[in-house]
Protein backbone atom coordinates (compact mmCIF):
# COMPACT_ATOMS: atom_id res chain seq x y z
CA UNK A 1 0.00 0.00 0.00
CA UNK A 2 1.02 3.60 -0.55
CA UNK A 3 -0.36 6.83 0.91
CA UNK A 4 -1.47 8.67 -2.25
CA UNK A 5 -3.48 11.83 -2.84
CA UNK A 6 -6.54 9.54 -2.87
CA UNK A 7 -5.64 7.87 0.42
CA UNK A 8 -3.78 4.67 1.20
CA UNK A 9 -4.11 2.23 -1.69
CA UNK A 10 -2.28 0.12 -4.23
CA UNK A 11 -2.09 1.07 -7.89
CA UNK A 12 -5.04 0.44 -10.18
CA UNK A 13 -4.82 -1.72 -13.29
CA UNK A 14 -3.70 0.93 -15.81
CA UNK A 15 -1.39 2.67 -13.32
CA UNK A 16 0.08 -0.68 -12.40
CA UNK A 17 0.75 -1.69 -16.01
CA UNK A 18 2.63 1.55 -16.74
CA UNK A 19 4.55 1.35 -13.47
CA UNK A 20 5.52 -2.31 -13.94
CA UNK A 21 6.86 -1.73 -17.44
CA UNK A 22 8.95 1.24 -16.32
CA UNK A 23 10.40 -0.60 -13.33
CA UNK A 24 11.13 -3.65 -15.49
CA UNK A 25 13.12 -1.42 -17.85
CA UNK A 26 15.11 0.07 -14.96
CA UNK A 27 15.71 -3.35 -13.45
CA UNK A 28 17.09 -4.63 -16.75
CA UNK A 29 19.63 -1.81 -16.72
CA UNK A 30 20.71 -2.60 -13.16
CA UNK A 31 21.01 -6.32 -13.88
CA UNK A 32 23.14 -5.60 -16.96
CA UNK A 33 25.49 -3.46 -14.85
CA UNK A 34 25.72 -6.08 -12.10
CA UNK A 35 26.46 -8.87 -14.57
CA UNK A 36 29.32 -6.92 -16.18
CA UNK A 37 30.80 -5.36 -13.06
CA UNK A 38 33.56 -7.97 -12.80
CA UNK A 39 34.66 -7.12 -16.34
CA UNK A 40 34.39 -3.33 -16.31
CA UNK A 41 33.48 -0.28 -14.27
CA UNK A 42 30.17 0.15 -16.05
CA UNK A 43 27.71 2.29 -14.09
CA UNK A 44 23.93 2.46 -14.10
CA UNK A 45 22.34 5.07 -16.30
CA UNK A 46 21.37 8.34 -14.65
CA UNK A 47 17.73 9.40 -14.36
CA UNK A 48 18.20 13.00 -13.27
CA UNK A 49 17.23 12.42 -9.63
CA UNK A 50 20.36 12.72 -7.50
CA UNK A 51 18.75 11.03 -4.52
CA UNK A 52 18.30 7.92 -6.68
CA UNK A 53 21.24 8.20 -9.08
CA UNK A 54 23.82 8.28 -6.27
CA UNK A 55 23.30 4.66 -5.21
CA UNK A 56 25.05 1.52 -6.45
CA UNK A 57 23.21 -0.85 -8.80
CA UNK A 58 22.37 -3.34 -6.03
CA UNK A 59 21.00 -0.54 -3.86
CA UNK A 60 18.81 0.62 -6.74
CA UNK A 61 17.46 -2.91 -7.15
CA UNK A 62 16.56 -2.96 -3.46
CA UNK A 63 14.86 0.45 -3.69
CA UNK A 64 12.86 -0.61 -6.75
CA UNK A 65 11.78 -3.80 -5.00
CA UNK A 66 10.66 -2.00 -1.84
CA UNK A 67 8.73 0.71 -3.70
CA UNK A 68 7.17 -1.73 -6.17
CA UNK A 69 6.05 -4.01 -3.33
CA UNK A 70 4.40 -1.06 -1.59
CA UNK A 71 2.65 0.21 -4.71
CA UNK A 72 1.58 -3.13 -6.20
CA UNK A 73 0.56 -5.18 -3.15
CA UNK A 74 -1.49 -4.88 0.03
CA UNK A 75 1.58 -4.90 2.27
CA UNK A 76 1.72 -2.04 4.82
CA UNK A 77 2.89 1.38 3.63
CA UNK A 78 6.58 2.20 3.85
CA UNK A 79 7.75 4.47 6.66
CA UNK A 80 8.38 7.89 5.03
CA UNK A 81 11.91 8.44 3.73
CA UNK A 82 13.53 10.60 1.07
CA UNK A 83 14.84 7.52 -0.75
CA UNK A 84 11.29 6.26 -1.44
CA UNK A 85 10.07 9.57 -2.86
CA UNK A 86 13.18 9.89 -5.03
CA UNK A 87 12.71 6.38 -6.39
CA UNK A 88 9.14 7.14 -7.48
CA UNK A 89 10.34 10.38 -9.10
CA UNK A 90 13.07 8.49 -10.98
CA UNK A 91 10.61 5.87 -12.22
CA UNK A 92 8.26 8.44 -13.73
CA UNK A 93 11.08 10.49 -15.23
CA UNK A 94 12.08 7.26 -16.94
CA UNK A 95 8.52 6.91 -18.26
CA UNK A 96 8.84 10.40 -19.73
CA UNK A 97 12.18 9.48 -21.34
CA UNK A 98 10.60 6.41 -22.90
CA UNK A 99 7.74 8.47 -24.31
CA UNK A 100 10.23 10.90 -25.87
CA UNK A 101 12.28 8.02 -27.25
CA UNK A 102 9.12 6.77 -28.95
CA UNK A 103 8.60 10.16 -30.60
CA UNK A 104 12.24 10.39 -31.70
CA UNK A 105 12.19 6.90 -33.21
CA UNK A 106 9.05 7.58 -35.22
CA UNK A 107 10.38 10.95 -36.41
CA UNK A 108 13.90 9.87 -37.36
CA UNK A 109 12.92 6.62 -39.11
CA UNK A 110 9.35 7.14 -40.36
CA UNK A 111 9.70 4.54 -43.09
CA UNK A 112 11.33 1.85 -40.95
CA UNK A 113 9.96 2.36 -37.47
CA UNK A 114 7.15 0.17 -36.15
CA UNK A 115 5.13 1.29 -33.20
CA UNK A 116 5.09 -1.05 -30.18
CA UNK A 117 1.45 -1.77 -30.99
CA UNK A 118 2.39 -3.08 -34.42
CA UNK A 119 5.17 -5.11 -32.80
CA UNK A 120 2.73 -6.73 -30.39
CA UNK A 121 3.15 -4.35 -27.45
CA UNK A 122 1.64 -1.10 -26.22
CA UNK A 123 2.88 2.39 -26.93
CA UNK A 124 4.16 4.22 -23.87
CA UNK A 125 1.94 7.16 -24.82
CA UNK A 126 -1.11 4.90 -24.72
CA UNK A 127 -0.09 3.56 -21.33
CA UNK A 128 0.26 7.11 -19.99
CA UNK A 129 -3.15 8.14 -21.28
CA UNK A 130 -4.84 5.02 -19.89
CA UNK A 131 -3.27 5.56 -16.48
CA UNK A 132 -4.40 9.19 -16.47
CA UNK A 133 -7.92 8.26 -17.52
CA UNK A 134 -8.09 5.74 -14.71
CA UNK A 135 -6.92 8.30 -12.16
CA UNK A 136 -9.23 11.06 -13.36
CA UNK A 137 -12.15 8.82 -14.34
CA UNK A 138 -12.63 10.72 -17.60
CA UNK A 139 -11.35 10.86 -21.16
CA UNK A 140 -8.04 12.67 -21.62
CA UNK A 141 -7.64 14.76 -24.77
CA UNK A 142 -4.23 15.35 -26.35
CA UNK A 143 -3.51 18.68 -28.04
CA UNK A 144 -1.66 17.70 -31.21
CA UNK A 145 -0.63 21.28 -31.90
CA UNK A 146 0.93 21.81 -28.47
CA UNK A 147 4.63 21.44 -27.74
CA UNK A 148 4.96 17.68 -27.41
CA UNK A 149 7.83 17.62 -24.92
CA UNK A 150 6.15 20.03 -22.50
CA UNK A 151 2.76 18.39 -22.89
CA UNK A 152 3.91 14.82 -22.30
CA UNK A 153 6.10 15.77 -19.37
CA UNK A 154 3.08 17.45 -17.79
CA UNK A 155 0.90 14.39 -18.41
CA UNK A 156 3.43 11.97 -16.91
CA UNK A 157 3.99 14.21 -13.90
CA UNK A 158 0.23 14.34 -13.31
CA UNK A 159 0.28 10.58 -12.84
CA UNK A 160 3.28 10.77 -10.54
CA UNK A 161 1.80 13.61 -8.49
CA UNK A 162 -1.45 11.70 -7.97
CA UNK A 163 0.56 8.80 -6.54
CA UNK A 164 3.34 10.63 -4.72
CA UNK A 165 1.51 13.77 -3.68
CA UNK A 166 3.77 16.69 -2.80
CA UNK A 167 7.29 15.28 -2.60
CA UNK A 168 9.21 16.82 0.30
CA UNK A 169 12.66 15.29 -0.01
CA UNK A 170 14.16 18.04 -2.18
CA UNK A 171 12.89 20.81 0.07
CA UNK A 172 14.04 18.93 3.17
CA UNK A 173 17.47 18.52 1.57
CA UNK A 174 17.69 22.31 1.13
CA UNK A 175 17.54 22.70 4.93
CA UNK A 176 20.48 20.37 5.48
CA UNK A 177 23.12 23.09 5.19
CA UNK A 178 21.27 25.38 7.57
CA UNK A 179 20.77 25.10 11.29
CA UNK A 180 19.76 21.62 12.43
CA UNK A 181 16.75 23.04 14.24
CA UNK A 182 15.32 24.37 10.96
CA UNK A 183 15.43 20.92 9.41
CA UNK A 184 13.94 19.39 12.55
CA UNK A 185 11.14 21.98 12.54
CA UNK A 186 10.41 21.33 8.85
CA UNK A 187 10.23 17.56 9.35
CA UNK A 188 7.98 17.99 12.36
CA UNK A 189 5.71 20.36 10.44
CA UNK A 190 5.33 17.80 7.64
CA UNK A 191 4.83 14.92 10.05
CA UNK A 192 8.01 13.21 8.86
CA UNK A 193 10.39 11.10 10.98
CA UNK A 194 13.70 12.51 12.19
CA UNK A 195 15.63 10.07 9.97
CA UNK A 196 13.73 11.05 6.80
CA UNK A 197 16.95 12.24 5.12
CA UNK A 198 19.42 9.88 6.75
CA UNK A 199 18.00 6.47 5.88
CA UNK A 200 19.88 4.86 3.00
CA UNK A 201 19.52 1.59 1.07
CA UNK A 202 21.72 -1.28 2.29
CA UNK A 203 24.63 -2.75 0.35
CA UNK A 204 23.46 -6.28 -0.33
CA UNK A 205 25.55 -9.43 -0.41
CA UNK A 206 25.62 -11.34 -3.72
CA UNK A 207 22.97 -13.89 -2.69
CA UNK A 208 20.78 -11.08 -1.30
CA UNK A 209 21.02 -9.21 -4.60
CA UNK A 210 19.95 -12.32 -6.52
CA UNK A 211 17.01 -12.86 -4.16
CA UNK A 212 15.91 -9.24 -4.48
CA UNK A 213 16.07 -9.40 -8.29
CA UNK A 214 14.09 -12.65 -8.33
CA UNK A 215 11.39 -11.25 -6.03
CA UNK A 216 11.08 -8.09 -8.10
CA UNK A 217 10.90 -10.03 -11.36
CA UNK A 218 8.07 -12.15 -9.94
CA UNK A 219 6.27 -9.02 -8.84
CA UNK A 220 6.57 -7.48 -12.30
CA UNK A 221 5.78 -10.65 -14.25
CA UNK A 222 1.98 -10.19 -14.58
CA UNK A 223 2.42 -7.11 -16.74
CA UNK A 224 2.66 -6.94 -20.52
CA UNK A 225 6.23 -5.71 -20.86
CA UNK A 226 6.35 -5.59 -24.61
CA UNK A 227 7.64 -2.46 -26.34
C-alpha atoms as a PDB file:
ATOM      1  CA  UNK A   1       0.000   0.000   0.000  1.00  0.00           C
ATOM      2  CA  UNK A   2       1.018   3.603  -0.554  1.00  0.00           C
ATOM      3  CA  UNK A   3      -0.356   6.825   0.907  1.00  0.00           C
ATOM      4  CA  UNK A   4      -1.466   8.673  -2.251  1.00  0.00           C
ATOM      5  CA  UNK A   5      -3.478  11.827  -2.839  1.00  0.00           C
ATOM      6  CA  UNK A   6      -6.537   9.540  -2.870  1.00  0.00           C
ATOM      7  CA  UNK A   7      -5.636   7.871   0.419  1.00  0.00           C
ATOM      8  CA  UNK A   8      -3.783   4.667   1.204  1.00  0.00           C
ATOM      9  CA  UNK A   9      -4.115   2.226  -1.687  1.00  0.00           C
ATOM     10  CA  UNK A  10      -2.279   0.119  -4.230  1.00  0.00           C
ATOM     11  CA  UNK A  11      -2.086   1.068  -7.894  1.00  0.00           C
ATOM     12  CA  UNK A  12      -5.036   0.436 -10.178  1.00  0.00           C
ATOM     13  CA  UNK A  13      -4.816  -1.718 -13.292  1.00  0.00           C
ATOM     14  CA  UNK A  14      -3.696   0.931 -15.809  1.00  0.00           C
ATOM     15  CA  UNK A  15      -1.389   2.672 -13.323  1.00  0.00           C
ATOM     16  CA  UNK A  16       0.081  -0.683 -12.401  1.00  0.00           C
ATOM     17  CA  UNK A  17       0.748  -1.687 -16.015  1.00  0.00           C
ATOM     18  CA  UNK A  18       2.625   1.547 -16.741  1.00  0.00           C
ATOM     19  CA  UNK A  19       4.551   1.346 -13.474  1.00  0.00           C
ATOM     20  CA  UNK A  20       5.522  -2.314 -13.944  1.00  0.00           C
ATOM     21  CA  UNK A  21       6.856  -1.726 -17.438  1.00  0.00           C
ATOM     22  CA  UNK A  22       8.953   1.243 -16.323  1.00  0.00           C
ATOM     23  CA  UNK A  23      10.401  -0.599 -13.331  1.00  0.00           C
ATOM     24  CA  UNK A  24      11.128  -3.648 -15.492  1.00  0.00           C
ATOM     25  CA  UNK A  25      13.119  -1.424 -17.853  1.00  0.00           C
ATOM     26  CA  UNK A  26      15.113   0.067 -14.964  1.00  0.00           C
ATOM     27  CA  UNK A  27      15.706  -3.352 -13.447  1.00  0.00           C
ATOM     28  CA  UNK A  28      17.093  -4.631 -16.751  1.00  0.00           C
ATOM     29  CA  UNK A  29      19.626  -1.813 -16.722  1.00  0.00           C
ATOM     30  CA  UNK A  30      20.706  -2.601 -13.158  1.00  0.00           C
ATOM     31  CA  UNK A  31      21.008  -6.319 -13.878  1.00  0.00           C
ATOM     32  CA  UNK A  32      23.142  -5.599 -16.959  1.00  0.00           C
ATOM     33  CA  UNK A  33      25.493  -3.459 -14.853  1.00  0.00           C
ATOM     34  CA  UNK A  34      25.721  -6.076 -12.096  1.00  0.00           C
ATOM     35  CA  UNK A  35      26.457  -8.873 -14.568  1.00  0.00           C
ATOM     36  CA  UNK A  36      29.320  -6.925 -16.184  1.00  0.00           C
ATOM     37  CA  UNK A  37      30.802  -5.358 -13.058  1.00  0.00           C
ATOM     38  CA  UNK A  38      33.562  -7.965 -12.798  1.00  0.00           C
ATOM     39  CA  UNK A  39      34.663  -7.116 -16.337  1.00  0.00           C
ATOM     40  CA  UNK A  40      34.393  -3.325 -16.309  1.00  0.00           C
ATOM     41  CA  UNK A  41      33.481  -0.282 -14.275  1.00  0.00           C
ATOM     42  CA  UNK A  42      30.167   0.147 -16.045  1.00  0.00           C
ATOM     43  CA  UNK A  43      27.713   2.293 -14.087  1.00  0.00           C
ATOM     44  CA  UNK A  44      23.933   2.465 -14.104  1.00  0.00           C
ATOM     45  CA  UNK A  45      22.336   5.069 -16.304  1.00  0.00           C
ATOM     46  CA  UNK A  46      21.368   8.342 -14.650  1.00  0.00           C
ATOM     47  CA  UNK A  47      17.734   9.399 -14.358  1.00  0.00           C
ATOM     48  CA  UNK A  48      18.199  13.002 -13.271  1.00  0.00           C
ATOM     49  CA  UNK A  49      17.228  12.422  -9.629  1.00  0.00           C
ATOM     50  CA  UNK A  50      20.365  12.720  -7.495  1.00  0.00           C
ATOM     51  CA  UNK A  51      18.751  11.028  -4.518  1.00  0.00           C
ATOM     52  CA  UNK A  52      18.296   7.915  -6.678  1.00  0.00           C
ATOM     53  CA  UNK A  53      21.241   8.203  -9.076  1.00  0.00           C
ATOM     54  CA  UNK A  54      23.822   8.278  -6.266  1.00  0.00           C
ATOM     55  CA  UNK A  55      23.303   4.664  -5.205  1.00  0.00           C
ATOM     56  CA  UNK A  56      25.049   1.523  -6.450  1.00  0.00           C
ATOM     57  CA  UNK A  57      23.206  -0.854  -8.798  1.00  0.00           C
ATOM     58  CA  UNK A  58      22.374  -3.335  -6.029  1.00  0.00           C
ATOM     59  CA  UNK A  59      20.998  -0.539  -3.856  1.00  0.00           C
ATOM     60  CA  UNK A  60      18.811   0.622  -6.736  1.00  0.00           C
ATOM     61  CA  UNK A  61      17.462  -2.908  -7.148  1.00  0.00           C
ATOM     62  CA  UNK A  62      16.557  -2.965  -3.456  1.00  0.00           C
ATOM     63  CA  UNK A  63      14.862   0.453  -3.691  1.00  0.00           C
ATOM     64  CA  UNK A  64      12.859  -0.614  -6.747  1.00  0.00           C
ATOM     65  CA  UNK A  65      11.781  -3.802  -4.996  1.00  0.00           C
ATOM     66  CA  UNK A  66      10.657  -2.003  -1.840  1.00  0.00           C
ATOM     67  CA  UNK A  67       8.734   0.710  -3.696  1.00  0.00           C
ATOM     68  CA  UNK A  68       7.172  -1.728  -6.168  1.00  0.00           C
ATOM     69  CA  UNK A  69       6.049  -4.006  -3.330  1.00  0.00           C
ATOM     70  CA  UNK A  70       4.403  -1.061  -1.589  1.00  0.00           C
ATOM     71  CA  UNK A  71       2.651   0.210  -4.712  1.00  0.00           C
ATOM     72  CA  UNK A  72       1.579  -3.125  -6.197  1.00  0.00           C
ATOM     73  CA  UNK A  73       0.559  -5.183  -3.151  1.00  0.00           C
ATOM     74  CA  UNK A  74      -1.487  -4.885   0.033  1.00  0.00           C
ATOM     75  CA  UNK A  75       1.578  -4.900   2.271  1.00  0.00           C
ATOM     76  CA  UNK A  76       1.716  -2.037   4.823  1.00  0.00           C
ATOM     77  CA  UNK A  77       2.894   1.382   3.633  1.00  0.00           C
ATOM     78  CA  UNK A  78       6.577   2.195   3.855  1.00  0.00           C
ATOM     79  CA  UNK A  79       7.747   4.468   6.657  1.00  0.00           C
ATOM     80  CA  UNK A  80       8.380   7.890   5.025  1.00  0.00           C
ATOM     81  CA  UNK A  81      11.909   8.436   3.726  1.00  0.00           C
ATOM     82  CA  UNK A  82      13.526  10.602   1.068  1.00  0.00           C
ATOM     83  CA  UNK A  83      14.836   7.524  -0.746  1.00  0.00           C
ATOM     84  CA  UNK A  84      11.289   6.257  -1.443  1.00  0.00           C
ATOM     85  CA  UNK A  85      10.073   9.568  -2.863  1.00  0.00           C
ATOM     86  CA  UNK A  86      13.183   9.894  -5.029  1.00  0.00           C
ATOM     87  CA  UNK A  87      12.713   6.375  -6.389  1.00  0.00           C
ATOM     88  CA  UNK A  88       9.142   7.135  -7.483  1.00  0.00           C
ATOM     89  CA  UNK A  89      10.344  10.376  -9.104  1.00  0.00           C
ATOM     90  CA  UNK A  90      13.071   8.489 -10.978  1.00  0.00           C
ATOM     91  CA  UNK A  91      10.606   5.869 -12.220  1.00  0.00           C
ATOM     92  CA  UNK A  92       8.262   8.443 -13.730  1.00  0.00           C
ATOM     93  CA  UNK A  93      11.079  10.494 -15.231  1.00  0.00           C
ATOM     94  CA  UNK A  94      12.079   7.259 -16.939  1.00  0.00           C
ATOM     95  CA  UNK A  95       8.521   6.913 -18.260  1.00  0.00           C
ATOM     96  CA  UNK A  96       8.840  10.403 -19.727  1.00  0.00           C
ATOM     97  CA  UNK A  97      12.182   9.482 -21.338  1.00  0.00           C
ATOM     98  CA  UNK A  98      10.603   6.407 -22.904  1.00  0.00           C
ATOM     99  CA  UNK A  99       7.742   8.475 -24.315  1.00  0.00           C
ATOM    100  CA  UNK A 100      10.228  10.902 -25.865  1.00  0.00           C
ATOM    101  CA  UNK A 101      12.278   8.025 -27.250  1.00  0.00           C
ATOM    102  CA  UNK A 102       9.124   6.773 -28.951  1.00  0.00           C
ATOM    103  CA  UNK A 103       8.602  10.158 -30.599  1.00  0.00           C
ATOM    104  CA  UNK A 104      12.237  10.387 -31.696  1.00  0.00           C
ATOM    105  CA  UNK A 105      12.187   6.900 -33.214  1.00  0.00           C
ATOM    106  CA  UNK A 106       9.046   7.577 -35.216  1.00  0.00           C
ATOM    107  CA  UNK A 107      10.381  10.953 -36.413  1.00  0.00           C
ATOM    108  CA  UNK A 108      13.902   9.872 -37.355  1.00  0.00           C
ATOM    109  CA  UNK A 109      12.922   6.623 -39.112  1.00  0.00           C
ATOM    110  CA  UNK A 110       9.352   7.141 -40.357  1.00  0.00           C
ATOM    111  CA  UNK A 111       9.705   4.539 -43.088  1.00  0.00           C
ATOM    112  CA  UNK A 112      11.326   1.851 -40.954  1.00  0.00           C
ATOM    113  CA  UNK A 113       9.960   2.356 -37.467  1.00  0.00           C
ATOM    114  CA  UNK A 114       7.149   0.172 -36.151  1.00  0.00           C
ATOM    115  CA  UNK A 115       5.127   1.288 -33.198  1.00  0.00           C
ATOM    116  CA  UNK A 116       5.086  -1.053 -30.180  1.00  0.00           C
ATOM    117  CA  UNK A 117       1.446  -1.766 -30.985  1.00  0.00           C
ATOM    118  CA  UNK A 118       2.393  -3.082 -34.423  1.00  0.00           C
ATOM    119  CA  UNK A 119       5.170  -5.109 -32.803  1.00  0.00           C
ATOM    120  CA  UNK A 120       2.728  -6.735 -30.385  1.00  0.00           C
ATOM    121  CA  UNK A 121       3.147  -4.353 -27.447  1.00  0.00           C
ATOM    122  CA  UNK A 122       1.643  -1.102 -26.224  1.00  0.00           C
ATOM    123  CA  UNK A 123       2.878   2.389 -26.929  1.00  0.00           C
ATOM    124  CA  UNK A 124       4.162   4.222 -23.870  1.00  0.00           C
ATOM    125  CA  UNK A 125       1.943   7.155 -24.823  1.00  0.00           C
ATOM    126  CA  UNK A 126      -1.106   4.905 -24.724  1.00  0.00           C
ATOM    127  CA  UNK A 127      -0.087   3.560 -21.326  1.00  0.00           C
ATOM    128  CA  UNK A 128       0.261   7.113 -19.987  1.00  0.00           C
ATOM    129  CA  UNK A 129      -3.153   8.137 -21.283  1.00  0.00           C
ATOM    130  CA  UNK A 130      -4.839   5.020 -19.891  1.00  0.00           C
ATOM    131  CA  UNK A 131      -3.268   5.560 -16.484  1.00  0.00           C
ATOM    132  CA  UNK A 132      -4.404   9.191 -16.473  1.00  0.00           C
ATOM    133  CA  UNK A 133      -7.922   8.255 -17.519  1.00  0.00           C
ATOM    134  CA  UNK A 134      -8.094   5.736 -14.705  1.00  0.00           C
ATOM    135  CA  UNK A 135      -6.917   8.297 -12.162  1.00  0.00           C
ATOM    136  CA  UNK A 136      -9.229  11.060 -13.365  1.00  0.00           C
ATOM    137  CA  UNK A 137     -12.148   8.824 -14.338  1.00  0.00           C
ATOM    138  CA  UNK A 138     -12.630  10.722 -17.599  1.00  0.00           C
ATOM    139  CA  UNK A 139     -11.345  10.861 -21.162  1.00  0.00           C
ATOM    140  CA  UNK A 140      -8.035  12.671 -21.623  1.00  0.00           C
ATOM    141  CA  UNK A 141      -7.638  14.763 -24.769  1.00  0.00           C
ATOM    142  CA  UNK A 142      -4.233  15.346 -26.349  1.00  0.00           C
ATOM    143  CA  UNK A 143      -3.513  18.680 -28.035  1.00  0.00           C
ATOM    144  CA  UNK A 144      -1.663  17.697 -31.207  1.00  0.00           C
ATOM    145  CA  UNK A 145      -0.627  21.279 -31.896  1.00  0.00           C
ATOM    146  CA  UNK A 146       0.932  21.809 -28.472  1.00  0.00           C
ATOM    147  CA  UNK A 147       4.630  21.441 -27.741  1.00  0.00           C
ATOM    148  CA  UNK A 148       4.962  17.675 -27.411  1.00  0.00           C
ATOM    149  CA  UNK A 149       7.827  17.619 -24.917  1.00  0.00           C
ATOM    150  CA  UNK A 150       6.148  20.028 -22.504  1.00  0.00           C
ATOM    151  CA  UNK A 151       2.759  18.391 -22.890  1.00  0.00           C
ATOM    152  CA  UNK A 152       3.906  14.819 -22.295  1.00  0.00           C
ATOM    153  CA  UNK A 153       6.103  15.773 -19.372  1.00  0.00           C
ATOM    154  CA  UNK A 154       3.077  17.446 -17.787  1.00  0.00           C
ATOM    155  CA  UNK A 155       0.897  14.388 -18.405  1.00  0.00           C
ATOM    156  CA  UNK A 156       3.431  11.968 -16.913  1.00  0.00           C
ATOM    157  CA  UNK A 157       3.994  14.208 -13.899  1.00  0.00           C
ATOM    158  CA  UNK A 158       0.231  14.342 -13.314  1.00  0.00           C
ATOM    159  CA  UNK A 159       0.277  10.583 -12.838  1.00  0.00           C
ATOM    160  CA  UNK A 160       3.277  10.774 -10.539  1.00  0.00           C
ATOM    161  CA  UNK A 161       1.795  13.611  -8.485  1.00  0.00           C
ATOM    162  CA  UNK A 162      -1.448  11.699  -7.968  1.00  0.00           C
ATOM    163  CA  UNK A 163       0.558   8.798  -6.538  1.00  0.00           C
ATOM    164  CA  UNK A 164       3.337  10.629  -4.723  1.00  0.00           C
ATOM    165  CA  UNK A 165       1.510  13.775  -3.677  1.00  0.00           C
ATOM    166  CA  UNK A 166       3.767  16.690  -2.800  1.00  0.00           C
ATOM    167  CA  UNK A 167       7.288  15.278  -2.598  1.00  0.00           C
ATOM    168  CA  UNK A 168       9.213  16.821   0.299  1.00  0.00           C
ATOM    169  CA  UNK A 169      12.664  15.289  -0.010  1.00  0.00           C
ATOM    170  CA  UNK A 170      14.163  18.043  -2.176  1.00  0.00           C
ATOM    171  CA  UNK A 171      12.894  20.805   0.072  1.00  0.00           C
ATOM    172  CA  UNK A 172      14.041  18.930   3.166  1.00  0.00           C
ATOM    173  CA  UNK A 173      17.474  18.524   1.571  1.00  0.00           C
ATOM    174  CA  UNK A 174      17.692  22.306   1.127  1.00  0.00           C
ATOM    175  CA  UNK A 175      17.538  22.700   4.935  1.00  0.00           C
ATOM    176  CA  UNK A 176      20.478  20.367   5.480  1.00  0.00           C
ATOM    177  CA  UNK A 177      23.117  23.092   5.190  1.00  0.00           C
ATOM    178  CA  UNK A 178      21.265  25.379   7.569  1.00  0.00           C
ATOM    179  CA  UNK A 179      20.774  25.099  11.291  1.00  0.00           C
ATOM    180  CA  UNK A 180      19.764  21.625  12.427  1.00  0.00           C
ATOM    181  CA  UNK A 181      16.753  23.043  14.241  1.00  0.00           C
ATOM    182  CA  UNK A 182      15.319  24.372  10.962  1.00  0.00           C
ATOM    183  CA  UNK A 183      15.431  20.917   9.406  1.00  0.00           C
ATOM    184  CA  UNK A 184      13.937  19.394  12.552  1.00  0.00           C
ATOM    185  CA  UNK A 185      11.145  21.982  12.538  1.00  0.00           C
ATOM    186  CA  UNK A 186      10.406  21.325   8.851  1.00  0.00           C
ATOM    187  CA  UNK A 187      10.231  17.559   9.347  1.00  0.00           C
ATOM    188  CA  UNK A 188       7.984  17.993  12.364  1.00  0.00           C
ATOM    189  CA  UNK A 189       5.705  20.364  10.439  1.00  0.00           C
ATOM    190  CA  UNK A 190       5.327  17.799   7.641  1.00  0.00           C
ATOM    191  CA  UNK A 191       4.827  14.918  10.053  1.00  0.00           C
ATOM    192  CA  UNK A 192       8.014  13.207   8.863  1.00  0.00           C
ATOM    193  CA  UNK A 193      10.385  11.097  10.976  1.00  0.00           C
ATOM    194  CA  UNK A 194      13.698  12.514  12.188  1.00  0.00           C
ATOM    195  CA  UNK A 195      15.629  10.067   9.973  1.00  0.00           C
ATOM    196  CA  UNK A 196      13.734  11.046   6.803  1.00  0.00           C
ATOM    197  CA  UNK A 197      16.950  12.236   5.119  1.00  0.00           C
ATOM    198  CA  UNK A 198      19.424   9.880   6.748  1.00  0.00           C
ATOM    199  CA  UNK A 199      18.003   6.467   5.879  1.00  0.00           C
ATOM    200  CA  UNK A 200      19.882   4.860   3.001  1.00  0.00           C
ATOM    201  CA  UNK A 201      19.519   1.592   1.075  1.00  0.00           C
ATOM    202  CA  UNK A 202      21.717  -1.278   2.289  1.00  0.00           C
ATOM    203  CA  UNK A 203      24.632  -2.749   0.354  1.00  0.00           C
ATOM    204  CA  UNK A 204      23.457  -6.281  -0.332  1.00  0.00           C
ATOM    205  CA  UNK A 205      25.547  -9.426  -0.409  1.00  0.00           C
ATOM    206  CA  UNK A 206      25.619 -11.337  -3.718  1.00  0.00           C
ATOM    207  CA  UNK A 207      22.972 -13.886  -2.688  1.00  0.00           C
ATOM    208  CA  UNK A 208      20.778 -11.079  -1.303  1.00  0.00           C
ATOM    209  CA  UNK A 209      21.016  -9.212  -4.601  1.00  0.00           C
ATOM    210  CA  UNK A 210      19.948 -12.322  -6.519  1.00  0.00           C
ATOM    211  CA  UNK A 211      17.014 -12.861  -4.157  1.00  0.00           C
ATOM    212  CA  UNK A 212      15.909  -9.242  -4.482  1.00  0.00           C
ATOM    213  CA  UNK A 213      16.070  -9.400  -8.294  1.00  0.00           C
ATOM    214  CA  UNK A 214      14.090 -12.652  -8.326  1.00  0.00           C
ATOM    215  CA  UNK A 215      11.386 -11.248  -6.026  1.00  0.00           C
ATOM    216  CA  UNK A 216      11.081  -8.092  -8.103  1.00  0.00           C
ATOM    217  CA  UNK A 217      10.899 -10.033 -11.365  1.00  0.00           C
ATOM    218  CA  UNK A 218       8.071 -12.154  -9.936  1.00  0.00           C
ATOM    219  CA  UNK A 219       6.269  -9.020  -8.842  1.00  0.00           C
ATOM    220  CA  UNK A 220       6.567  -7.476 -12.303  1.00  0.00           C
ATOM    221  CA  UNK A 221       5.779 -10.649 -14.247  1.00  0.00           C
ATOM    222  CA  UNK A 222       1.977 -10.188 -14.585  1.00  0.00           C
ATOM    223  CA  UNK A 223       2.416  -7.108 -16.743  1.00  0.00           C
ATOM    224  CA  UNK A 224       2.663  -6.943 -20.518  1.00  0.00           C
ATOM    225  CA  UNK A 225       6.228  -5.705 -20.856  1.00  0.00           C
ATOM    226  CA  UNK A 226       6.350  -5.590 -24.608  1.00  0.00           C
ATOM    227  CA  UNK A 227       7.644  -2.457 -26.344  1.00  0.00           C
END
